[in-house]
């Protein structure tokens, strides 16, 4: 059984790890070595306020599993 893909918000979809889906192509050097070519992507910045992290909380409640993981990890580390 294949693992289920995580549900991600639009912001977290920028973290796509499927190279082909992200527009990746195979490049070849002059001496025949293959390498991955990825298009430049525009990243956005998210500013949130600790300790509530309301932006991450809202996105997590909206179904983004990465925002939930990130928020939980930040809060856990702050309490360690």
Protein backbone atom coordinates (compact mmCIF):
# COMPACT_ATOMS: atom_id res chain seq x y z
CA UNK A 1 0.00 0.00 0.00
CA UNK A 2 1.41 3.40 -1.00
CA UNK A 3 1.65 6.13 1.65
CA UNK A 4 -1.05 8.79 1.53
CA UNK A 5 0.09 12.26 0.44
CA UNK A 6 -0.26 14.94 3.09
CA UNK A 7 -2.92 17.61 2.71
CA UNK A 8 -1.19 20.98 2.27
CA UNK A 9 -2.37 24.59 2.14
CA UNK A 10 -1.41 26.75 -0.87
CA UNK A 11 1.62 28.19 0.96
CA UNK A 12 2.93 24.74 1.92
CA UNK A 13 2.38 23.39 -1.60
CA UNK A 14 5.52 25.40 -2.47
CA UNK A 15 7.37 22.66 -0.57
CA UNK A 16 6.43 20.09 -3.22
CA UNK A 17 8.94 17.25 -3.26
CA UNK A 18 7.84 15.65 -6.54
CA UNK A 19 10.55 16.98 -8.85
CA UNK A 20 8.58 16.24 -12.03
CA UNK A 21 5.45 17.90 -10.65
CA UNK A 22 7.56 20.92 -9.65
CA UNK A 23 8.73 21.30 -13.26
CA UNK A 24 12.02 19.45 -12.83
CA UNK A 25 13.89 18.23 -15.87
CA UNK A 26 17.03 16.23 -16.49
CA UNK A 27 20.02 18.32 -17.54
CA UNK A 28 23.23 16.90 -18.97
CA UNK A 29 26.71 18.35 -18.48
CA UNK A 30 29.26 18.54 -21.29
CA UNK A 31 30.83 15.27 -20.08
CA UNK A 32 27.49 13.43 -19.98
CA UNK A 33 26.64 13.65 -16.26
CA UNK A 34 22.92 14.04 -15.56
CA UNK A 35 21.62 16.56 -13.03
CA UNK A 36 18.28 17.93 -11.89
CA UNK A 37 17.13 21.30 -13.24
CA UNK A 38 14.34 22.99 -11.29
CA UNK A 39 12.67 26.26 -12.26
CA UNK A 40 13.08 29.17 -9.86
CA UNK A 41 10.09 29.46 -7.58
CA UNK A 42 8.87 32.47 -5.73
CA UNK A 43 8.60 31.85 -2.02
CA UNK A 44 6.44 33.79 0.36
CA UNK A 45 7.16 34.68 3.94
CA UNK A 46 4.75 33.95 6.73
CA UNK A 47 4.94 36.09 9.84
CA UNK A 48 3.17 34.80 12.93
CA UNK A 49 3.19 35.81 16.58
CA UNK A 50 4.42 33.54 19.31
CA UNK A 51 3.03 31.98 21.48
CA UNK A 52 -0.35 31.78 19.73
CA UNK A 53 0.83 31.27 16.12
CA UNK A 54 -2.67 32.05 14.87
CA UNK A 55 -1.80 31.91 11.15
CA UNK A 56 -0.41 28.40 11.51
CA UNK A 57 -3.34 27.42 13.73
CA UNK A 58 -5.94 28.62 11.20
CA UNK A 59 -4.18 26.84 8.37
CA UNK A 60 -3.91 23.66 10.45
CA UNK A 61 -7.63 23.83 11.28
CA UNK A 62 -8.24 24.29 7.55
CA UNK A 63 -6.60 20.91 6.94
CA UNK A 64 -2.91 21.66 6.28
CA UNK A 65 -1.00 18.84 7.92
CA UNK A 66 2.37 20.56 7.58
CA UNK A 67 1.16 23.75 9.31
CA UNK A 68 -0.20 21.57 12.13
CA UNK A 69 3.10 19.71 12.44
CA UNK A 70 5.14 22.92 12.33
CA UNK A 71 2.98 24.67 14.94
CA UNK A 72 2.98 21.66 17.27
CA UNK A 73 6.76 21.30 16.95
CA UNK A 74 7.42 24.98 17.69
CA UNK A 75 5.14 24.93 20.73
CA UNK A 76 6.62 21.67 22.01
CA UNK A 77 10.20 22.94 21.67
CA UNK A 78 9.27 26.18 23.43
CA UNK A 79 7.95 24.18 26.38
CA UNK A 80 10.97 21.83 26.64
